[in-house]
Amino acid sequence: MAKVTGVQTPAGTEAFDRVISTIPLPYVPQIMPDLPADILAKYRALKNIAVVCVIAKLKKPLTDNFWLNTNDPDMDIPGIVRYTNLRPLDRHVVYVPFYMPGEHPKYQDDDHVFLDKVRHYLKRSTPALQDDDFIDIRASRYRHAQPICDPGYLSKLPPVKLPIEGLWMADTSYYYPEDRGISESIGFGRQMARTRCDDRRLPVPAVSGLSADRGIAAAVNFGSRILYNQWMGFSAAIVLAYITGMVTAFVQARLFVFRNSQRALHQSALCSCWSTGWRYMQTWAISLLLADWLLPALGVHQ
């Protein structure tokens, strides 16, 4: 088996015996054309949405919100993100993304086209904003910004651990089925760091473990509801079954997915209860609706 010896840069070769690469996966065939043909084919089959990122530094704030969604047909952006609402600075930093296929003609437009649009959009959303309130504004591009996940996507991804000793390749594609996010980045990075020194162990994304945990918790919820219903009413069985499934999901996540979490146990439990409380109400309402109205209307009775 081939073995990693280092990383070659314009300044020379840096010696390493372990390398974790996070370059966009579609670039891998260009820098490693000698990989097995089946793995190269998987890299070449991956598709991504592109983005033009515009960053503006302003004298005035735009909104009290971190993220402002837009639903205006005349504004071809998903939203306006004011980063300094999350991390206060002496000036106001705003991020505006333009997502589109990399092959779209608009992606080839000059930077000034996007800069002019953002100036117009920001002044339109905040009428008090004037031209002299713009301290600086710049555009950058990322061709492989968002993976396009078609059916069976996870099975089509190339392996993270390549058939080269000491080499791992991964980007945000491996967060599937979760979207790109800081939590997913941290979880996946930790998992790779824990396994990188043992070539016999393949890193498993934390989000994939989380998805498996959710599936087990759902099965526990369903099975315990049937069991509880033998001794109590349907409504009460729903409540206890949901609590049983929620506890199962929390324990699994704490033991197997977020085992290195620095958050105190009681804080994690409170966050879990808060995030799942509304799902309980939804489950309870739908279950009673099915049992008391829809199924009887269809001629199905207990």
C-alpha atoms as a PDB file:
ATOM      1  CA  MET A   1       0.000   0.000   0.000  1.00  0.00           C
ATOM      2  CA  ALA A   2       1.237   3.499  -0.855  1.00  0.00           C
ATOM      3  CA  LYS A   3       2.074   5.711   2.091  1.00  0.00           C
ATOM      4  CA  VAL A   4       1.849   9.425   2.802  1.00  0.00           C
ATOM      5  CA  THR A   5       5.251  11.133   2.975  1.00  0.00           C
ATOM      6  CA  GLY A   6       4.243  14.791   3.026  1.00  0.00           C
ATOM      7  CA  VAL A   7       2.463  17.694   1.356  1.00  0.00           C
ATOM      8  CA  GLN A   8       3.931  19.503  -1.630  1.00  0.00           C
ATOM      9  CA  THR A   9       3.466  23.286  -1.745  1.00  0.00           C
ATOM     10  CA  PRO A  10       4.912  26.079  -3.914  1.00  0.00           C
ATOM     11  CA  ALA A  11       7.477  26.589  -1.156  1.00  0.00           C
ATOM     12  CA  GLY A  12       8.585  22.947  -1.178  1.00  0.00           C
ATOM     13  CA  THR A  13       7.606  19.662   0.435  1.00  0.00           C
ATOM     14  CA  GLU A  14       6.547  19.445   4.076  1.00  0.00           C
ATOM     15  CA  ALA A  15       7.099  16.014   5.637  1.00  0.00           C
ATOM     16  CA  PHE A  16       4.118  14.347   7.347  1.00  0.00           C
ATOM     17  CA  ASP A  17       3.101  10.756   7.999  1.00  0.00           C
ATOM     18  CA  ARG A  18      -0.584  11.619   8.565  1.00  0.00           C
ATOM     19  CA  VAL A  19      -2.598  14.006   6.355  1.00  0.00           C
ATOM     20  CA  ILE A  20      -6.252  15.049   6.663  1.00  0.00           C
ATOM     21  CA  SER A  21      -7.370  16.996   3.583  1.00  0.00           C
ATOM     22  CA  THR A  22     -10.471  19.207   3.586  1.00  0.00           C
ATOM     23  CA  ILE A  23     -10.244  20.546   0.025  1.00  0.00           C
ATOM     24  CA  PRO A  24     -13.504  20.300  -1.975  1.00  0.00           C
ATOM     25  CA  LEU A  25     -13.872  16.673  -3.061  1.00  0.00           C
ATOM     26  CA  PRO A  26     -14.273  17.476  -6.808  1.00  0.00           C
ATOM     27  CA  TYR A  27     -10.643  18.683  -6.787  1.00  0.00           C
ATOM     28  CA  VAL A  28      -9.293  15.321  -5.588  1.00  0.00           C
ATOM     29  CA  PRO A  29      -9.008  13.699  -9.069  1.00  0.00           C
ATOM     30  CA  GLN A  30      -6.890  16.654 -10.213  1.00  0.00           C
ATOM     31  CA  ILE A  31      -4.340  16.364  -7.422  1.00  0.00           C
ATOM     32  CA  MET A  32      -4.446  12.564  -7.032  1.00  0.00           C
ATOM     33  CA  PRO A  33      -5.079  11.092 -10.507  1.00  0.00           C
ATOM     34  CA  ASP A  34      -3.483   7.748  -9.549  1.00  0.00           C
ATOM     35  CA  LEU A  35      -6.229   6.743  -7.115  1.00  0.00           C
ATOM     36  CA  PRO A  36      -8.229   3.613  -8.053  1.00  0.00           C
ATOM     37  CA  ALA A  37     -10.609   4.261 -10.947  1.00  0.00           C
ATOM     38  CA  ASP A  38     -13.761   3.426  -8.949  1.00  0.00           C
ATOM     39  CA  ILE A  39     -12.873   5.986  -6.252  1.00  0.00           C
ATOM     40  CA  LEU A  40     -12.018   8.646  -8.834  1.00  0.00           C
ATOM     41  CA  ALA A  41     -15.391   8.017 -10.510  1.00  0.00           C
ATOM     42  CA  LYS A  42     -17.165   8.701  -7.206  1.00  0.00           C
ATOM     43  CA  TYR A  43     -15.329  12.004  -6.772  1.00  0.00           C
ATOM     44  CA  ARG A  44     -16.144  13.079 -10.332  1.00  0.00           C
ATOM     45  CA  ALA A  45     -19.842  12.232  -9.871  1.00  0.00           C
ATOM     46  CA  LEU A  46     -20.270  14.656  -6.964  1.00  0.00           C
ATOM     47  CA  LYS A  47     -22.150  17.874  -7.722  1.00  0.00           C
ATOM     48  CA  ASN A  48     -22.185  21.150  -5.814  1.00  0.00           C
ATOM     49  CA  ILE A  49     -23.973  24.484  -5.902  1.00  0.00           C
ATOM     50  CA  ALA A  50     -21.723  27.538  -6.232  1.00  0.00           C
ATOM     51  CA  VAL A  51     -21.943  30.802  -4.289  1.00  0.00           C
ATOM     52  CA  VAL A  52     -20.829  34.380  -4.692  1.00  0.00           C
ATOM     53  CA  CYS A  53     -20.184  35.815  -1.225  1.00  0.00           C
ATOM     54  CA  VAL A  54     -20.469  39.567  -0.700  1.00  0.00           C
ATOM     55  CA  ILE A  55     -19.180  41.064   2.548  1.00  0.00           C
ATOM     56  CA  ALA A  56     -20.004  44.677   3.460  1.00  0.00           C
ATOM     57  CA  LYS A  57     -18.641  46.749   6.340  1.00  0.00           C
ATOM     58  CA  LEU A  58     -21.054  49.479   7.380  1.00  0.00           C
ATOM     59  CA  LYS A  59     -21.217  52.438   9.738  1.00  0.00           C
ATOM     60  CA  LYS A  60     -24.863  51.743  10.622  1.00  0.00           C
ATOM     61  CA  PRO A  61     -26.633  48.562  11.740  1.00  0.00           C
ATOM     62  CA  LEU A  62     -29.207  46.999   9.427  1.00  0.00           C
ATOM     63  CA  THR A  63     -31.347  44.937  11.751  1.00  0.00           C
ATOM     64  CA  ASP A  64     -31.416  43.525  15.250  1.00  0.00           C
ATOM     65  CA  ASN A  65     -31.553  40.027  13.753  1.00  0.00           C
ATOM     66  CA  PHE A  66     -28.591  37.789  13.004  1.00  0.00           C
ATOM     67  CA  TRP A  67     -30.289  36.357   9.902  1.00  0.00           C
ATOM     68  CA  LEU A  68     -32.936  38.178   7.882  1.00  0.00           C
ATOM     69  CA  ASN A  69     -34.718  35.945   5.355  1.00  0.00           C
ATOM     70  CA  THR A  70     -35.757  37.541   2.078  1.00  0.00           C
ATOM     71  CA  ASN A  71     -38.808  36.590   0.043  1.00  0.00           C
ATOM     72  CA  ASP A  72     -38.773  39.362  -2.544  1.00  0.00           C
ATOM     73  CA  PRO A  73     -38.804  38.231  -6.223  1.00  0.00           C
ATOM     74  CA  ASP A  74     -36.652  41.246  -7.071  1.00  0.00           C
ATOM     75  CA  MET A  75     -33.907  40.151  -4.642  1.00  0.00           C
ATOM     76  CA  ASP A  76     -32.075  37.022  -5.817  1.00  0.00           C
ATOM     77  CA  ILE A  77     -30.633  36.194  -2.390  1.00  0.00           C
ATOM     78  CA  PRO A  78     -31.823  33.853   0.401  1.00  0.00           C
ATOM     79  CA  GLY A  79     -31.130  36.319   3.178  1.00  0.00           C
ATOM     80  CA  ILE A  80     -28.974  38.993   4.781  1.00  0.00           C
ATOM     81  CA  VAL A  81     -26.697  37.906   7.630  1.00  0.00           C
ATOM     82  CA  ARG A  82     -25.396  40.493  10.081  1.00  0.00           C
ATOM     83  CA  TYR A  83     -22.435  38.787  11.695  1.00  0.00           C
ATOM     84  CA  THR A  84     -21.763  41.547  14.194  1.00  0.00           C
ATOM     85  CA  ASN A  85     -25.064  40.750  15.881  1.00  0.00           C
ATOM     86  CA  LEU A  86     -23.357  37.497  16.873  1.00  0.00           C
ATOM     87  CA  ARG A  87     -19.881  38.937  17.475  1.00  0.00           C
ATOM     88  CA  PRO A  88     -20.112  42.689  18.221  1.00  0.00           C
ATOM     89  CA  LEU A  89     -17.424  44.919  16.673  1.00  0.00           C
ATOM     90  CA  ASP A  90     -16.960  48.649  16.323  1.00  0.00           C
ATOM     91  CA  ARG A  91     -18.365  48.406  12.777  1.00  0.00           C
ATOM     92  CA  HIS A  92     -21.211  46.372  11.288  1.00  0.00           C
ATOM     93  CA  VAL A  93     -20.302  43.404   9.078  1.00  0.00           C
ATOM     94  CA  VAL A  94     -22.971  42.010   6.749  1.00  0.00           C
ATOM     95  CA  TYR A  95     -22.789  38.864   4.630  1.00  0.00           C
ATOM     96  CA  VAL A  96     -24.990  38.383   1.548  1.00  0.00           C
ATOM     97  CA  PRO A  97     -24.781  35.108  -0.458  1.00  0.00           C
ATOM     98  CA  PHE A  98     -25.824  34.468  -4.063  1.00  0.00           C
ATOM     99  CA  TYR A  99     -26.293  30.702  -4.521  1.00  0.00           C
ATOM    100  CA  MET A 100     -26.544  29.321  -8.059  1.00  0.00           C
ATOM    101  CA  PRO A 101     -25.235  26.494 -10.273  1.00  0.00           C
ATOM    102  CA  GLY A 102     -21.591  27.050 -11.166  1.00  0.00           C
ATOM    103  CA  GLU A 103     -22.520  26.666 -14.835  1.00  0.00           C
ATOM    104  CA  HIS A 104     -25.099  29.455 -14.690  1.00  0.00           C
ATOM    105  CA  PRO A 105     -24.176  32.514 -16.812  1.00  0.00           C
ATOM    106  CA  LYS A 106     -24.770  34.780 -13.803  1.00  0.00           C
ATOM    107  CA  TYR A 107     -21.888  33.122 -11.982  1.00  0.00           C
ATOM    108  CA  GLN A 108     -19.569  34.596 -14.622  1.00  0.00           C
ATOM    109  CA  ASP A 109     -20.749  38.173 -13.984  1.00  0.00           C
ATOM    110  CA  ASP A 110     -18.138  40.661 -12.820  1.00  0.00           C
ATOM    111  CA  ASP A 111     -17.854  41.302  -9.097  1.00  0.00           C
ATOM    112  CA  HIS A 112     -19.250  44.814  -9.469  1.00  0.00           C
ATOM    113  CA  VAL A 113     -22.600  43.340 -10.598  1.00  0.00           C
ATOM    114  CA  PHE A 114     -23.015  41.595  -7.238  1.00  0.00           C
ATOM    115  CA  LEU A 115     -21.593  44.522  -5.274  1.00  0.00           C
ATOM    116  CA  ASP A 116     -24.082  46.924  -6.873  1.00  0.00           C
ATOM    117  CA  LYS A 117     -26.944  44.522  -6.140  1.00  0.00           C
ATOM    118  CA  VAL A 118     -25.998  44.261  -2.480  1.00  0.00           C
ATOM    119  CA  ARG A 119     -25.760  48.026  -2.098  1.00  0.00           C
ATOM    120  CA  HIS A 120     -29.236  48.312  -3.605  1.00  0.00           C
ATOM    121  CA  TYR A 121     -30.701  45.473  -1.502  1.00  0.00           C
ATOM    122  CA  LEU A 122     -29.291  46.777   1.764  1.00  0.00           C
ATOM    123  CA  LYS A 123     -30.522  50.319   1.140  1.00  0.00           C
ATOM    124  CA  ARG A 124     -33.896  48.923   0.146  1.00  0.00           C
ATOM    125  CA  SER A 125     -34.203  46.876   3.345  1.00  0.00           C
ATOM    126  CA  THR A 126     -32.893  49.766   5.476  1.00  0.00           C
ATOM    127  CA  PRO A 127     -33.953  53.113   3.933  1.00  0.00           C
ATOM    128  CA  ALA A 128     -31.822  55.070   6.416  1.00  0.00           C
ATOM    129  CA  LEU A 129     -28.674  53.533   4.922  1.00  0.00           C
ATOM    130  CA  GLN A 130     -26.791  55.889   2.588  1.00  0.00           C
ATOM    131  CA  ASP A 131     -23.893  55.410   0.164  1.00  0.00           C
ATOM    132  CA  ASP A 132     -21.411  56.972   2.561  1.00  0.00           C
ATOM    133  CA  ASP A 133     -22.363  54.390   5.207  1.00  0.00           C
ATOM    134  CA  PHE A 134     -20.502  51.733   3.195  1.00  0.00           C
ATOM    135  CA  ILE A 135     -16.949  51.575   4.565  1.00  0.00           C
ATOM    136  CA  ASP A 136     -15.944  48.661   2.330  1.00  0.00           C
ATOM    137  CA  ILE A 137     -17.608  45.956   0.234  1.00  0.00           C
ATOM    138  CA  ARG A 138     -16.035  42.954  -1.481  1.00  0.00           C
ATOM    139  CA  ALA A 139     -17.036  39.790  -3.337  1.00  0.00           C
ATOM    140  CA  SER A 140     -15.522  36.315  -3.380  1.00  0.00           C
ATOM    141  CA  ARG A 141     -16.572  33.019  -4.950  1.00  0.00           C
ATOM    142  CA  TYR A 142     -16.721  29.408  -3.887  1.00  0.00           C
ATOM    143  CA  ARG A 143     -17.475  26.964  -6.691  1.00  0.00           C
ATOM    144  CA  HIS A 144     -18.181  23.960  -4.432  1.00  0.00           C
ATOM    145  CA  ALA A 145     -20.210  25.572  -1.657  1.00  0.00           C
ATOM    146  CA  GLN A 146     -23.195  23.255  -1.104  1.00  0.00           C
ATOM    147  CA  PRO A 147     -23.318  19.524  -1.934  1.00  0.00           C
ATOM    148  CA  ILE A 148     -26.294  18.431  -4.034  1.00  0.00           C
ATOM    149  CA  CYS A 149     -27.656  15.349  -2.256  1.00  0.00           C
ATOM    150  CA  ASP A 150     -29.656  13.093  -4.569  1.00  0.00           C
ATOM    151  CA  PRO A 151     -31.377   9.827  -3.487  1.00  0.00           C
ATOM    152  CA  GLY A 152     -28.897   7.315  -2.095  1.00  0.00           C
ATOM    153  CA  TYR A 153     -26.333  10.066  -1.651  1.00  0.00           C
ATOM    154  CA  LEU A 154     -24.512   8.617   1.351  1.00  0.00           C
ATOM    155  CA  SER A 155     -23.804   5.327  -0.426  1.00  0.00           C
ATOM    156  CA  LYS A 156     -22.291   7.212  -3.367  1.00  0.00           C
ATOM    157  CA  LEU A 157     -19.681   9.088  -1.331  1.00  0.00           C
ATOM    158  CA  PRO A 158     -16.075   7.891  -1.643  1.00  0.00           C
ATOM    159  CA  PRO A 159     -14.470   6.537   1.543  1.00  0.00           C
ATOM    160  CA  VAL A 160     -12.993   9.065   3.951  1.00  0.00           C
ATOM    161  CA  LYS A 161      -9.993   6.800   4.512  1.00  0.00           C
ATOM    162  CA  LEU A 162      -8.304   6.317   1.143  1.00  0.00           C
ATOM    163  CA  PRO A 163      -6.206   3.269   0.168  1.00  0.00           C
ATOM    164  CA  ILE A 164      -3.080   5.258   0.981  1.00  0.00           C
ATOM    165  CA  GLU A 165      -1.646   4.797   4.442  1.00  0.00           C
ATOM    166  CA  GLY A 166      -2.032   7.950   6.511  1.00  0.00           C
ATOM    167  CA  LEU A 167      -4.430   9.837   4.202  1.00  0.00           C
ATOM    168  CA  TRP A 168      -8.001  10.975   4.808  1.00  0.00           C
ATOM    169  CA  MET A 169     -10.103  13.168   2.496  1.00  0.00           C
ATOM    170  CA  ALA A 170     -13.325  14.866   3.618  1.00  0.00           C
ATOM    171  CA  ASP A 171     -15.375  18.031   3.207  1.00  0.00           C
ATOM    172  CA  THR A 172     -18.897  19.125   4.159  1.00  0.00           C
ATOM    173  CA  SER A 173     -20.346  16.395   1.922  1.00  0.00           C
ATOM    174  CA  TYR A 174     -19.957  13.970   4.831  1.00  0.00           C
ATOM    175  CA  TYR A 175     -22.290  15.944   7.100  1.00  0.00           C
ATOM    176  CA  TYR A 176     -25.206  14.285   5.290  1.00  0.00           C
ATOM    177  CA  PRO A 177     -28.041  13.954   6.269  1.00  0.00           C
ATOM    178  CA  GLU A 178     -27.419  17.117   8.260  1.00  0.00           C
ATOM    179  CA  ASP A 179     -26.802  20.456   6.540  1.00  0.00           C
ATOM    180  CA  ARG A 180     -23.530  22.365   6.781  1.00  0.00           C
ATOM    181  CA  GLY A 181     -23.100  23.781  10.260  1.00  0.00           C
ATOM    182  CA  ILE A 182     -20.611  24.517  13.006  1.00  0.00           C
ATOM    183  CA  SER A 183     -21.865  21.642  15.178  1.00  0.00           C
ATOM    184  CA  GLU A 184     -21.417  19.178  12.312  1.00  0.00           C
ATOM    185  CA  SER A 185     -17.923  20.535  11.582  1.00  0.00           C
ATOM    186  CA  ILE A 186     -16.840  20.142  15.191  1.00  0.00           C
ATOM    187  CA  GLY A 187     -18.359  16.675  15.552  1.00  0.00           C
ATOM    188  CA  PHE A 188     -16.864  15.340  12.338  1.00  0.00           C
ATOM    189  CA  GLY A 189     -13.481  16.942  13.007  1.00  0.00           C
ATOM    190  CA  ARG A 190     -13.299  15.394  16.469  1.00  0.00           C
ATOM    191  CA  GLN A 191     -14.195  11.991  15.086  1.00  0.00           C
ATOM    192  CA  MET A 192     -11.441  12.202  12.484  1.00  0.00           C
ATOM    193  CA  ALA A 193      -8.926  13.409  15.066  1.00  0.00           C
ATOM    194  CA  ARG A 194      -9.722  10.470  17.351  1.00  0.00           C
ATOM    195  CA  THR A 195      -9.188   7.900  14.587  1.00  0.00           C
ATOM    196  CA  ARG A 196      -6.437   9.426  12.459  1.00  0.00           C
ATOM    197  CA  CYS A 197      -3.625   7.588  14.243  1.00  0.00           C
ATOM    198  CA  ASP A 198      -5.033   4.127  13.548  1.00  0.00           C
ATOM    199  CA  ASP A 199      -5.244   3.172   9.868  1.00  0.00           C
ATOM    200  CA  ARG A 200      -7.406   0.155  10.713  1.00  0.00           C
ATOM    201  CA  ARG A 201     -10.243   2.345  11.968  1.00  0.00           C
ATOM    202  CA  LEU A 202     -12.359   4.403   9.621  1.00  0.00           C
ATOM    203  CA  PRO A 203     -13.753   7.698  10.920  1.00  0.00           C
ATOM    204  CA  VAL A 204     -17.527   7.652  11.152  1.00  0.00           C
ATOM    205  CA  PRO A 205     -19.198  11.064  10.954  1.00  0.00           C
ATOM    206  CA  ALA A 206     -20.787  12.094  14.231  1.00  0.00           C
ATOM    207  CA  VAL A 207     -23.902  13.124  12.315  1.00  0.00           C
ATOM    208  CA  SER A 208     -24.279   9.602  10.907  1.00  0.00           C
ATOM    209  CA  GLY A 209     -24.109   8.252  14.451  1.00  0.00           C
ATOM    210  CA  LEU A 210     -26.669  10.834  15.487  1.00  0.00           C
ATOM    211  CA  SER A 211     -29.006   9.713  12.693  1.00  0.00           C
ATOM    212  CA  ALA A 212     -28.656   6.079  13.823  1.00  0.00           C
ATOM    213  CA  ASP A 213     -29.394   7.093  17.403  1.00  0.00           C
ATOM    214  CA  ARG A 214     -32.535   8.902  16.287  1.00  0.00           C
ATOM    215  CA  GLY A 215     -33.694   5.798  14.429  1.00  0.00           C
ATOM    216  CA  ILE A 216     -33.229   3.617  17.512  1.00  0.00           C
ATOM    217  CA  ALA A 217     -34.991   6.184  19.693  1.00  0.00           C
ATOM    218  CA  ALA A 218     -37.927   6.277  17.262  1.00  0.00           C
ATOM    219  CA  ALA A 219     -38.197   2.482  17.414  1.00  0.00           C
ATOM    220  CA  VAL A 220     -38.142   2.580  21.230  1.00  0.00           C
ATOM    221  CA  ASN A 221     -40.850   5.257  21.178  1.00  0.00           C
ATOM    222  CA  PHE A 222     -43.070   3.193  18.891  1.00  0.00           C
ATOM    223  CA  GLY A 223     -42.558  -0.110  20.699  1.00  0.00           C
ATOM    224  CA  SER A 224     -43.002   1.285  24.204  1.00  0.00           C
ATOM    225  CA  ARG A 225     -46.234   3.021  23.161  1.00  0.00           C
ATOM    226  CA  ILE A 226     -47.734  -0.350  22.254  1.00  0.00           C
ATOM    227  CA  LEU A 227     -46.481  -1.811  25.539  1.00  0.00           C
ATOM    228  CA  TYR A 228     -47.727   1.055  27.727  1.00  0.00           C
ATOM    229  CA  ASN A 229     -51.108   0.965  26.001  1.00  0.00           C
ATOM    230  CA  GLN A 230     -51.698  -2.481  27.504  1.00  0.00           C
ATOM    231  CA  TRP A 231     -51.979  -0.933  30.988  1.00  0.00           C
ATOM    232  CA  MET A 232     -53.103   2.657  30.429  1.00  0.00           C
ATOM    233  CA  GLY A 233     -55.071   4.900  28.106  1.00  0.00           C
ATOM    234  CA  PHE A 234     -53.824   5.823  24.657  1.00  0.00           C
ATOM    235  CA  SER A 235     -53.132   9.472  25.501  1.00  0.00           C
ATOM    236  CA  ALA A 236     -51.077   8.591  28.588  1.00  0.00           C
ATOM    237  CA  ALA A 237     -49.200   5.911  26.612  1.00  0.00           C
ATOM    238  CA  ILE A 238     -48.192   8.528  24.050  1.00  0.00           C
ATOM    239  CA  VAL A 239     -46.752  10.740  26.790  1.00  0.00           C
ATOM    240  CA  LEU A 240     -44.732   7.985  28.489  1.00  0.00           C
ATOM    241  CA  ALA A 241     -43.555   6.510  25.164  1.00  0.00           C
ATOM    242  CA  TYR A 242     -42.305   9.881  23.987  1.00  0.00           C
ATOM    243  CA  ILE A 243     -40.418  10.435  27.248  1.00  0.00           C
ATOM    244  CA  THR A 244     -38.917   6.932  26.935  1.00  0.00           C
ATOM    245  CA  GLY A 245     -37.775   7.627  23.371  1.00  0.00           C
ATOM    246  CA  MET A 246     -36.420  11.053  24.310  1.00  0.00           C
ATOM    247  CA  VAL A 247     -34.375   9.630  27.194  1.00  0.00           C
ATOM    248  CA  THR A 248     -33.070   6.876  24.905  1.00  0.00           C
ATOM    249  CA  ALA A 249     -31.980   9.425  22.282  1.00  0.00           C
ATOM    250  CA  PHE A 250     -30.311  11.639  24.885  1.00  0.00           C
ATOM    251  CA  VAL A 251     -28.356   8.795  26.511  1.00  0.00           C
ATOM    252  CA  GLN A 252     -27.177   7.450  23.139  1.00  0.00           C
ATOM    253  CA  ALA A 253     -26.127  10.880  21.901  1.00  0.00           C
ATOM    254  CA  ARG A 254     -24.265  11.603  25.127  1.00  0.00           C
ATOM    255  CA  LEU A 255     -22.468   8.239  25.145  1.00  0.00           C
ATOM    256  CA  PHE A 256     -21.674   7.726  21.472  1.00  0.00           C
ATOM    257  CA  VAL A 257     -21.934  10.999  19.536  1.00  0.00           C
ATOM    258  CA  PHE A 258     -21.147  13.910  21.860  1.00  0.00           C
ATOM    259  CA  ARG A 259     -19.076  12.030  24.391  1.00  0.00           C
ATOM    260  CA  ASN A 260     -16.433  14.780  24.418  1.00  0.00           C
ATOM    261  CA  SER A 261     -18.942  17.544  25.050  1.00  0.00           C
ATOM    262  CA  GLN A 262     -17.793  20.125  27.593  1.00  0.00           C
ATOM    263  CA  ARG A 263     -21.380  21.036  28.514  1.00  0.00           C
ATOM    264  CA  ALA A 264     -22.608  19.925  31.930  1.00  0.00           C
ATOM    265  CA  LEU A 265     -25.004  16.967  31.965  1.00  0.00           C
ATOM    266  CA  HIS A 266     -27.919  18.951  33.380  1.00  0.00           C
ATOM    267  CA  GLN A 267     -27.412  21.685  30.749  1.00  0.00           C
ATOM    268  CA  SER A 268     -27.441  19.115  27.941  1.00  0.00           C
ATOM    269  CA  ALA A 269     -30.601  17.554  29.395  1.00  0.00           C
ATOM    270  CA  LEU A 270     -32.369  20.914  29.585  1.00  0.00           C
ATOM    271  CA  CYS A 271     -31.394  21.756  25.996  1.00  0.00           C
ATOM    272  CA  SER A 272     -32.639  18.356  24.847  1.00  0.00           C
ATOM    273  CA  CYS A 273     -35.993  18.800  26.616  1.00  0.00           C
ATOM    274  CA  TRP A 274     -36.377  22.311  25.228  1.00  0.00           C
ATOM    275  CA  SER A 275     -35.605  21.283  21.631  1.00  0.00           C
ATOM    276  CA  THR A 276     -37.900  18.229  21.687  1.00  0.00           C
ATOM    277  CA  GLY A 277     -40.820  19.643  23.673  1.00  0.00           C
ATOM    278  CA  TRP A 278     -42.628  21.024  20.647  1.00  0.00           C
ATOM    279  CA  ARG A 279     -42.173  17.688  18.858  1.00  0.00           C
ATOM    280  CA  TYR A 280     -43.960  15.977  21.726  1.00  0.00           C
ATOM    281  CA  MET A 281     -46.967  18.283  21.360  1.00  0.00           C
ATOM    282  CA  GLN A 282     -46.999  17.623  17.638  1.00  0.00           C
ATOM    283  CA  THR A 283     -46.790  13.839  18.119  1.00  0.00           C
ATOM    284  CA  TRP A 284     -49.494  13.846  20.787  1.00  0.00           C
ATOM    285  CA  ALA A 285     -51.894  15.940  18.698  1.00  0.00           C
ATOM    286  CA  ILE A 286     -51.405  13.926  15.493  1.00  0.00           C
ATOM    287  CA  SER A 287     -51.735  10.585  17.320  1.00  0.00           C
ATOM    288  CA  LEU A 288     -55.018  11.592  18.953  1.00  0.00           C
ATOM    289  CA  LEU A 289     -56.281  13.015  15.663  1.00  0.00           C
ATOM    290  CA  LEU A 290     -55.598   9.712  13.924  1.00  0.00           C
ATOM    291  CA  ALA A 291     -57.020   7.546  16.699  1.00  0.00           C
ATOM    292  CA  ASP A 292     -60.156   9.572  17.510  1.00  0.00           C
ATOM    293  CA  TRP A 293     -61.138  10.986  14.125  1.00  0.00           C
ATOM    294  CA  LEU A 294     -59.341   9.962  10.943  1.00  0.00           C
ATOM    295  CA  LEU A 295     -59.084   6.205  11.427  1.00  0.00           C
ATOM    296  CA  PRO A 296     -62.696   5.833  12.708  1.00  0.00           C
ATOM    297  CA  ALA A 297     -63.841   7.903   9.719  1.00  0.00           C
ATOM    298  CA  LEU A 298     -62.115   5.346   7.480  1.00  0.00           C
ATOM    299  CA  GLY A 299     -63.820   2.482   9.254  1.00  0.00           C
ATOM    300  CA  VAL A 300     -60.802   1.465  11.323  1.00  0.00           C
ATOM    301  CA  HIS A 301     -61.636   0.885  15.008  1.00  0.00           C
ATOM    302  CA  GLN A 302     -59.694  -0.456  17.966  1.00  0.00           C
END
